[in-house]
N, C-alpha and C. Protein backbone atom coordinates (compact mmCIF):
# COMPACT_ATOMS: atom_id res chain seq x y z
N MET A 1 -87.48 -124.55 -4.79
CA MET A 1 -88.67 -124.60 -5.93
C MET A 1 -88.41 -125.59 -7.05
N LYS A 2 -89.20 -126.21 -7.48
CA LYS A 2 -88.88 -127.09 -8.56
C LYS A 2 -89.11 -126.77 -10.04
N LEU A 3 -89.27 -125.42 -10.00
CA LEU A 3 -89.57 -124.79 -11.23
C LEU A 3 -88.33 -124.94 -12.37
N ASN A 4 -87.40 -124.83 -11.61
CA ASN A 4 -85.98 -125.16 -12.71
C ASN A 4 -85.92 -126.38 -13.26
N ALA A 5 -86.63 -127.44 -12.55
CA ALA A 5 -86.31 -128.85 -13.08
C ALA A 5 -87.40 -129.10 -14.29
N ILE A 6 -88.36 -128.21 -14.52
CA ILE A 6 -89.23 -128.55 -15.68
C ILE A 6 -88.89 -127.53 -16.83
N ILE A 7 -88.58 -128.34 -17.85
CA ILE A 7 -88.14 -127.45 -19.22
C ILE A 7 -89.40 -127.96 -20.25
N ILE A 8 -89.55 -127.20 -20.73
CA ILE A 8 -90.75 -127.33 -21.91
C ILE A 8 -90.00 -127.40 -23.43
N GLU A 9 -90.01 -128.50 -24.12
CA GLU A 9 -89.30 -128.90 -25.24
C GLU A 9 -90.56 -128.68 -26.21
N VAL A 10 -90.37 -127.60 -26.89
CA VAL A 10 -91.61 -127.72 -28.23
C VAL A 10 -90.81 -127.68 -29.36
N PRO A 11 -91.64 -128.81 -29.94
CA PRO A 11 -91.02 -129.29 -31.36
C PRO A 11 -91.00 -128.19 -32.32
N PRO A 12 -89.81 -128.14 -33.16
CA PRO A 12 -89.75 -127.24 -34.36
C PRO A 12 -90.91 -127.21 -35.17
N SER A 13 -91.78 -128.30 -35.30
CA SER A 13 -92.83 -128.20 -36.25
C SER A 13 -93.92 -127.57 -35.68
N ILE A 14 -94.29 -127.10 -34.56
CA ILE A 14 -95.29 -126.37 -33.89
C ILE A 14 -94.67 -124.89 -33.16
N MET A 15 -93.52 -124.34 -33.70
CA MET A 15 -93.02 -123.15 -33.33
C MET A 15 -93.67 -122.14 -33.75
N LYS A 16 -94.37 -122.19 -35.23
CA LYS A 16 -94.74 -120.91 -35.85
C LYS A 16 -96.21 -120.93 -35.83
N GLY A 17 -96.58 -119.65 -35.59
CA GLY A 17 -97.92 -119.22 -35.32
C GLY A 17 -98.47 -117.98 -36.12
N THR A 18 -99.59 -117.64 -36.21
CA THR A 18 -100.13 -116.46 -36.86
C THR A 18 -99.97 -115.21 -36.06
N GLY A 19 -100.16 -115.37 -34.60
CA GLY A 19 -99.96 -114.09 -33.84
C GLY A 19 -101.14 -113.15 -34.29
N MET A 20 -102.33 -113.98 -34.89
CA MET A 20 -103.49 -113.06 -35.43
C MET A 20 -104.67 -113.66 -34.87
N ALA A 21 -105.99 -112.95 -35.24
CA ALA A 21 -107.28 -113.63 -35.15
C ALA A 21 -107.23 -114.93 -35.44
N GLY A 22 -107.85 -115.93 -35.18
CA GLY A 22 -107.51 -117.28 -35.74
C GLY A 22 -106.61 -118.12 -34.87
N GLU A 23 -105.86 -117.40 -34.14
CA GLU A 23 -104.55 -118.35 -33.48
C GLU A 23 -105.06 -118.97 -32.25
N ASP A 24 -104.37 -119.96 -31.86
CA ASP A 24 -104.70 -120.90 -30.81
C ASP A 24 -104.28 -120.22 -29.41
N VAL A 25 -105.22 -120.33 -28.69
CA VAL A 25 -105.43 -119.96 -27.29
C VAL A 25 -105.52 -120.85 -26.38
N LEU A 26 -104.68 -121.02 -25.36
CA LEU A 26 -104.85 -121.98 -24.21
C LEU A 26 -105.52 -121.14 -22.82
N VAL A 27 -106.57 -121.72 -22.29
CA VAL A 27 -106.97 -121.29 -21.07
C VAL A 27 -106.83 -122.06 -20.11
N ILE A 28 -106.25 -121.56 -19.05
CA ILE A 28 -105.69 -122.60 -18.03
C ILE A 28 -106.38 -121.90 -16.78
N ASP A 29 -107.47 -122.96 -16.38
CA ASP A 29 -108.00 -122.24 -15.15
C ASP A 29 -108.94 -123.57 -14.51
N ASP A 30 -108.93 -123.76 -13.00
CA ASP A 30 -109.50 -125.22 -12.58
C ASP A 30 -111.06 -125.14 -12.49
N ASN A 31 -111.50 -124.08 -12.59
CA ASN A 31 -112.96 -123.60 -12.58
C ASN A 31 -113.71 -123.95 -14.00
N GLN A 32 -114.35 -125.03 -13.85
CA GLN A 32 -114.93 -125.54 -15.44
C GLN A 32 -115.92 -124.37 -15.94
N ILE A 33 -116.70 -123.61 -15.10
CA ILE A 33 -117.53 -122.80 -15.69
C ILE A 33 -116.73 -121.36 -16.21
N THR A 34 -115.69 -121.19 -15.67
CA THR A 34 -114.83 -120.01 -16.32
C THR A 34 -114.29 -120.65 -17.50
N ARG A 35 -113.69 -121.78 -17.57
CA ARG A 35 -112.98 -122.37 -18.81
C ARG A 35 -114.20 -122.25 -19.91
N ASP A 36 -115.41 -122.66 -19.62
CA ASP A 36 -116.53 -122.79 -20.54
C ASP A 36 -117.04 -121.20 -21.15
N VAL A 37 -117.12 -120.44 -20.30
CA VAL A 37 -117.41 -119.10 -20.56
C VAL A 37 -116.43 -118.38 -21.48
N LEU A 38 -114.93 -118.41 -21.07
CA LEU A 38 -114.06 -117.97 -21.87
C LEU A 38 -113.90 -118.74 -23.18
N LYS A 39 -114.25 -119.83 -23.43
CA LYS A 39 -113.98 -120.70 -24.52
C LYS A 39 -115.14 -120.30 -25.37
N MET A 40 -116.34 -119.92 -24.82
CA MET A 40 -117.36 -119.61 -25.67
C MET A 40 -117.28 -118.36 -26.35
N MET A 41 -116.75 -117.25 -25.23
CA MET A 41 -116.56 -115.94 -26.00
C MET A 41 -115.35 -115.83 -26.80
N LEU A 42 -114.39 -116.54 -26.60
CA LEU A 42 -113.14 -116.46 -27.74
C LEU A 42 -113.61 -117.15 -29.01
N GLU A 43 -114.30 -118.40 -28.90
CA GLU A 43 -114.50 -118.91 -30.05
C GLU A 43 -115.40 -118.09 -30.97
N ALA A 44 -116.43 -117.22 -30.43
CA ALA A 44 -117.21 -116.48 -31.13
C ALA A 44 -116.45 -115.31 -31.75
N GLU A 45 -115.22 -115.09 -31.29
CA GLU A 45 -114.49 -114.08 -31.96
C GLU A 45 -113.50 -114.60 -33.15
N GLY A 46 -113.52 -116.11 -33.36
CA GLY A 46 -112.65 -116.45 -34.19
C GLY A 46 -111.37 -117.13 -33.91
N TYR A 47 -111.32 -117.12 -32.41
CA TYR A 47 -109.94 -117.86 -31.96
C TYR A 47 -110.26 -119.39 -31.78
N ILE A 48 -109.16 -120.08 -31.81
CA ILE A 48 -109.26 -121.47 -31.55
C ILE A 48 -108.80 -121.72 -30.33
N VAL A 49 -109.97 -122.27 -29.51
CA VAL A 49 -109.57 -122.12 -27.68
C VAL A 49 -109.25 -123.84 -27.25
N THR A 50 -108.51 -123.92 -26.69
CA THR A 50 -108.12 -125.06 -25.97
C THR A 50 -108.08 -124.87 -24.44
N CYS A 51 -108.82 -125.76 -23.60
CA CYS A 51 -108.81 -125.41 -22.10
C CYS A 51 -108.24 -126.50 -21.20
N CYS A 52 -107.53 -126.28 -20.35
CA CYS A 52 -107.15 -127.15 -19.18
C CYS A 52 -107.38 -126.69 -17.83
N ALA A 53 -107.16 -127.67 -16.87
CA ALA A 53 -107.48 -127.33 -15.56
C ALA A 53 -106.38 -126.84 -14.55
N ASP A 54 -105.19 -127.33 -15.08
CA ASP A 54 -103.95 -126.80 -14.19
C ASP A 54 -102.74 -126.72 -14.86
N GLY A 55 -101.83 -126.24 -14.32
CA GLY A 55 -100.35 -126.01 -14.77
C GLY A 55 -99.87 -127.17 -15.72
N MET A 56 -99.68 -128.40 -14.87
CA MET A 56 -99.01 -129.31 -15.40
C MET A 56 -99.58 -129.81 -16.75
N SER A 57 -101.09 -129.82 -16.91
CA SER A 57 -101.80 -130.05 -18.08
C SER A 57 -101.35 -129.00 -19.05
N ALA A 58 -101.10 -128.03 -18.89
CA ALA A 58 -100.75 -126.82 -19.94
C ALA A 58 -99.72 -127.01 -20.37
N ILE A 59 -98.43 -127.30 -19.43
CA ILE A 59 -97.23 -127.56 -20.01
C ILE A 59 -97.23 -128.84 -20.99
N ASP A 60 -98.01 -129.95 -20.53
CA ASP A 60 -98.15 -131.21 -21.47
C ASP A 60 -98.57 -130.67 -22.68
N LEU A 61 -99.76 -129.91 -22.73
CA LEU A 61 -100.34 -129.57 -24.09
C LEU A 61 -99.37 -128.47 -24.93
N THR A 62 -98.74 -128.03 -24.29
CA THR A 62 -97.52 -127.09 -25.06
C THR A 62 -96.60 -128.02 -25.83
N LYS A 63 -96.53 -129.12 -25.19
CA LYS A 63 -95.43 -130.01 -26.16
C LYS A 63 -96.26 -130.59 -27.26
N GLU A 64 -97.29 -130.62 -27.50
CA GLU A 64 -98.08 -131.14 -28.84
C GLU A 64 -98.59 -130.04 -29.52
N LYS A 65 -98.66 -128.91 -28.96
CA LYS A 65 -99.32 -127.74 -29.90
C LYS A 65 -98.69 -126.36 -29.62
N ARG A 66 -98.74 -125.41 -30.37
CA ARG A 66 -98.25 -124.12 -30.30
C ARG A 66 -99.44 -123.18 -29.94
N PHE A 67 -99.25 -122.57 -29.14
CA PHE A 67 -100.41 -121.51 -28.61
C PHE A 67 -99.77 -120.11 -28.67
N GLY A 68 -100.43 -119.06 -29.08
CA GLY A 68 -99.96 -117.79 -29.29
C GLY A 68 -100.32 -116.73 -28.27
N THR A 69 -101.57 -117.35 -27.42
CA THR A 69 -101.83 -116.40 -26.25
C THR A 69 -102.38 -117.48 -25.20
N PHE A 70 -101.91 -117.08 -23.88
CA PHE A 70 -102.56 -117.84 -22.70
C PHE A 70 -103.19 -117.07 -21.95
N LEU A 71 -104.13 -117.54 -21.49
CA LEU A 71 -105.05 -116.98 -20.31
C LEU A 71 -105.10 -117.81 -19.03
N ILE A 72 -104.45 -117.20 -17.95
CA ILE A 72 -103.81 -118.03 -16.74
C ILE A 72 -104.43 -117.52 -15.60
N ASP A 73 -105.52 -118.58 -14.93
CA ASP A 73 -105.94 -118.04 -13.53
C ASP A 73 -104.87 -118.04 -12.61
N TYR A 74 -104.79 -117.44 -11.35
CA TYR A 74 -103.84 -117.53 -10.40
C TYR A 74 -103.91 -118.73 -9.62
N ARG A 75 -105.07 -118.85 -8.91
CA ARG A 75 -105.13 -119.93 -7.96
C ARG A 75 -105.64 -121.48 -8.64
N MET A 76 -104.65 -122.23 -8.60
CA MET A 76 -104.76 -123.42 -9.34
C MET A 76 -104.01 -124.70 -8.45
N PRO A 77 -104.58 -125.92 -8.67
CA PRO A 77 -104.00 -127.06 -7.92
C PRO A 77 -102.36 -127.19 -8.59
N GLY A 78 -101.69 -127.77 -7.95
CA GLY A 78 -100.09 -128.09 -8.44
C GLY A 78 -99.45 -126.58 -8.15
N MET A 79 -99.66 -126.10 -9.47
CA MET A 79 -98.81 -124.66 -9.57
C MET A 79 -99.72 -123.62 -9.61
N ASN A 80 -99.42 -122.48 -8.86
CA ASN A 80 -100.07 -121.10 -8.98
C ASN A 80 -99.79 -120.42 -10.58
N GLY A 81 -100.55 -119.65 -10.89
CA GLY A 81 -100.47 -119.18 -12.53
C GLY A 81 -99.11 -118.33 -12.60
N ASP A 82 -98.83 -117.79 -11.59
CA ASP A 82 -97.46 -116.97 -12.13
C ASP A 82 -96.35 -117.91 -12.22
N GLU A 83 -96.43 -119.25 -11.59
CA GLU A 83 -95.35 -120.20 -11.57
C GLU A 83 -95.41 -120.74 -13.17
N VAL A 84 -96.92 -120.92 -13.53
CA VAL A 84 -96.86 -121.40 -14.94
C VAL A 84 -96.63 -120.36 -15.85
N THR A 85 -96.90 -119.13 -15.73
CA THR A 85 -96.33 -118.04 -16.37
C THR A 85 -94.89 -118.20 -16.84
N LEU A 86 -94.09 -118.20 -15.56
CA LEU A 86 -92.80 -118.13 -15.75
C LEU A 86 -92.20 -119.22 -16.61
N LEU A 87 -92.75 -120.51 -16.43
CA LEU A 87 -92.25 -121.65 -17.46
C LEU A 87 -92.75 -121.41 -18.58
N LEU A 88 -93.85 -121.05 -18.86
CA LEU A 88 -94.27 -120.84 -20.51
C LEU A 88 -93.65 -119.53 -21.06
N ARG A 89 -93.36 -118.65 -20.39
CA ARG A 89 -92.44 -117.46 -21.06
C ARG A 89 -90.98 -117.79 -21.27
N ARG A 90 -90.72 -118.63 -20.74
CA ARG A 90 -89.21 -119.42 -21.08
C ARG A 90 -89.23 -119.94 -22.40
N SER A 91 -90.40 -120.63 -22.85
CA SER A 91 -90.44 -121.35 -24.15
C SER A 91 -91.23 -120.74 -25.10
N TYR A 92 -91.96 -119.76 -24.90
CA TYR A 92 -92.65 -119.11 -25.85
C TYR A 92 -92.50 -117.27 -25.31
N PRO A 93 -91.37 -117.12 -25.65
CA PRO A 93 -91.13 -115.61 -25.55
C PRO A 93 -92.06 -114.60 -26.26
N GLU A 94 -92.23 -115.02 -27.40
CA GLU A 94 -93.13 -114.08 -28.38
C GLU A 94 -94.78 -114.14 -27.88
N ALA A 95 -94.93 -115.13 -27.09
CA ALA A 95 -96.50 -115.25 -26.80
C ALA A 95 -97.13 -114.09 -26.13
N PHE A 96 -98.19 -114.01 -25.96
CA PHE A 96 -99.12 -112.84 -25.36
C PHE A 96 -99.86 -113.62 -24.21
N ILE A 97 -99.44 -113.36 -23.06
CA ILE A 97 -99.75 -113.99 -21.69
C ILE A 97 -100.70 -113.08 -20.72
N ILE A 98 -101.79 -113.57 -20.79
CA ILE A 98 -102.66 -112.72 -19.60
C ILE A 98 -103.08 -113.23 -18.47
N GLY A 99 -102.83 -112.92 -17.32
CA GLY A 99 -102.88 -113.47 -16.03
C GLY A 99 -104.36 -112.84 -15.52
N TYR A 100 -104.92 -113.62 -14.60
CA TYR A 100 -106.24 -113.18 -13.96
C TYR A 100 -106.52 -113.86 -12.48
N SER A 101 -107.36 -113.17 -11.86
CA SER A 101 -107.33 -113.49 -10.34
C SER A 101 -108.48 -112.66 -10.04
N PHE A 102 -109.28 -113.19 -8.88
CA PHE A 102 -110.15 -112.17 -8.24
C PHE A 102 -109.32 -111.56 -7.33
N GLU A 103 -108.24 -111.54 -6.80
CA GLU A 103 -107.34 -111.11 -6.08
C GLU A 103 -106.24 -110.08 -6.94
N HIS A 104 -105.70 -109.21 -6.10
CA HIS A 104 -104.73 -108.40 -7.09
C HIS A 104 -103.31 -109.10 -7.33
N LYS A 105 -103.29 -109.91 -8.02
CA LYS A 105 -102.04 -110.61 -8.14
C LYS A 105 -101.19 -110.15 -9.52
N ASP A 106 -101.27 -108.81 -9.78
CA ASP A 106 -100.82 -108.40 -10.83
C ASP A 106 -99.50 -108.58 -10.92
N HIS A 107 -98.79 -107.67 -9.71
CA HIS A 107 -97.51 -108.09 -9.39
C HIS A 107 -96.87 -109.37 -9.70
N ALA A 108 -97.25 -110.28 -9.22
CA ALA A 108 -96.86 -111.89 -9.25
C ALA A 108 -96.81 -112.20 -10.88
N PHE A 109 -97.90 -111.90 -11.53
CA PHE A 109 -97.93 -112.23 -12.89
C PHE A 109 -97.18 -111.49 -13.78
N LEU A 110 -96.79 -110.06 -13.56
CA LEU A 110 -96.10 -109.54 -14.30
C LEU A 110 -94.63 -109.66 -14.09
N THR A 111 -94.27 -109.89 -12.96
CA THR A 111 -92.88 -110.61 -12.61
C THR A 111 -92.45 -111.51 -13.24
N ALA A 112 -93.42 -112.67 -13.23
CA ALA A 112 -93.13 -113.96 -14.04
C ALA A 112 -93.18 -113.70 -15.32
N GLY A 113 -93.68 -112.66 -15.87
CA GLY A 113 -93.48 -112.57 -17.54
C GLY A 113 -94.81 -112.41 -18.23
N ALA A 114 -96.00 -112.13 -17.59
CA ALA A 114 -97.13 -111.97 -18.09
C ALA A 114 -96.97 -110.75 -18.76
N ASN A 115 -97.68 -110.34 -20.07
CA ASN A 115 -98.25 -108.99 -20.80
C ASN A 115 -98.85 -108.37 -19.89
N THR A 116 -99.90 -108.91 -19.28
CA THR A 116 -100.83 -107.89 -18.43
C THR A 116 -101.56 -108.92 -17.61
N PHE A 117 -102.56 -108.11 -16.85
CA PHE A 117 -103.41 -108.92 -15.57
C PHE A 117 -104.98 -108.33 -15.62
N ILE A 118 -105.60 -109.09 -15.35
CA ILE A 118 -106.96 -108.62 -15.40
C ILE A 118 -107.69 -109.07 -14.11
N LEU A 119 -108.53 -108.46 -13.39
CA LEU A 119 -109.26 -108.70 -12.51
C LEU A 119 -110.41 -109.81 -12.76
N LYS A 120 -110.78 -110.97 -12.30
CA LYS A 120 -111.35 -111.96 -12.64
C LYS A 120 -113.07 -111.49 -13.09
N ASP A 121 -113.14 -110.69 -12.04
CA ASP A 121 -114.75 -110.27 -12.27
C ASP A 121 -114.82 -109.10 -13.22
N ALA A 122 -113.86 -109.02 -13.92
CA ALA A 122 -113.78 -107.90 -15.04
C ALA A 122 -113.44 -108.32 -16.21
N ILE A 123 -113.04 -109.83 -16.37
CA ILE A 123 -112.58 -110.42 -17.60
C ILE A 123 -113.53 -110.46 -18.75
N GLU A 124 -114.60 -110.63 -18.65
CA GLU A 124 -115.65 -110.56 -19.54
C GLU A 124 -115.77 -109.09 -20.38
N MET A 125 -115.62 -108.03 -19.69
CA MET A 125 -115.70 -106.74 -20.20
C MET A 125 -114.44 -106.33 -21.06
N GLN A 126 -113.19 -106.77 -20.36
CA GLN A 126 -111.72 -106.17 -20.88
C GLN A 126 -111.03 -107.28 -21.80
N LEU A 127 -111.55 -108.49 -21.70
CA LEU A 127 -110.58 -109.49 -22.31
C LEU A 127 -110.66 -109.12 -24.00
N LEU A 128 -111.47 -109.17 -24.74
CA LEU A 128 -111.52 -109.05 -26.13
C LEU A 128 -110.51 -107.82 -26.34
N SER A 129 -110.76 -106.76 -25.78
CA SER A 129 -110.24 -105.64 -26.02
C SER A 129 -108.86 -105.31 -26.03
N LEU A 130 -108.44 -106.30 -24.76
CA LEU A 130 -106.92 -106.32 -24.41
C LEU A 130 -106.22 -107.34 -25.56
N LEU A 131 -106.92 -108.25 -25.99
CA LEU A 131 -106.42 -109.14 -26.91
C LEU A 131 -106.25 -108.45 -28.08
N LYS A 132 -107.30 -107.59 -28.70
CA LYS A 132 -107.08 -106.88 -29.87
C LYS A 132 -105.88 -105.95 -29.76
N ALA A 133 -105.68 -105.31 -28.84
CA ALA A 133 -104.86 -104.13 -28.42
C ALA A 133 -103.38 -104.64 -28.33
N GLY A 134 -103.42 -106.09 -27.35
CA GLY A 134 -102.36 -106.75 -26.82
C GLY A 134 -101.13 -107.23 -27.85
N ARG A 135 -101.78 -107.50 -29.29
CA ARG A 135 -100.88 -107.99 -30.09
C ARG A 135 -99.93 -107.11 -30.38
N SER A 136 -99.91 -105.49 -30.19
CA SER A 136 -98.90 -104.64 -30.46
C SER A 136 -97.91 -104.64 -29.23
N CYS A 137 -98.13 -105.09 -28.08
CA CYS A 137 -97.41 -105.16 -26.91
C CYS A 137 -96.03 -106.18 -27.04
N GLN A 138 -95.19 -105.60 -26.62
CA GLN A 138 -94.06 -106.74 -26.66
C GLN A 138 -94.08 -107.42 -25.37
N ALA A 139 -93.58 -108.52 -25.28
CA ALA A 139 -93.53 -109.48 -24.34
C ALA A 139 -92.12 -109.16 -23.51
N PRO A 140 -92.45 -109.27 -22.12
CA PRO A 140 -91.24 -108.88 -21.27
C PRO A 140 -90.13 -109.49 -21.75
N SER A 141 -88.99 -108.92 -21.47
CA SER A 141 -87.68 -109.62 -21.72
C SER A 141 -87.11 -110.21 -20.38
């Protein structure tokens, strides 16, 4: 497995974040419609949202910008969401990571270090309340 070969080096200038409303959120999903819907929904609540279509793009973005929250789909080209979660958790131990999928992939995400999991067909109903409540949750160690 090549996961151990990828190391995310986050410059110190982008390590600090607010961890509150208005923070930067990275949506990682290969489906353009899903990205657009989540972006619209989160921006309406005051979040600053960046989107990308795959795990390697997400890794590249984290070298340039600090994100407090990650929303990660499971099935994507290149790396699955649990693999992306594992890499992000190593470099962002304080981040709030939400995995989602149409399938029950909660075990895979939680084992990789996600804070929580949502079924994709319920994401619009549950996401905002999870983000508001989730800030009090500790990231897995």
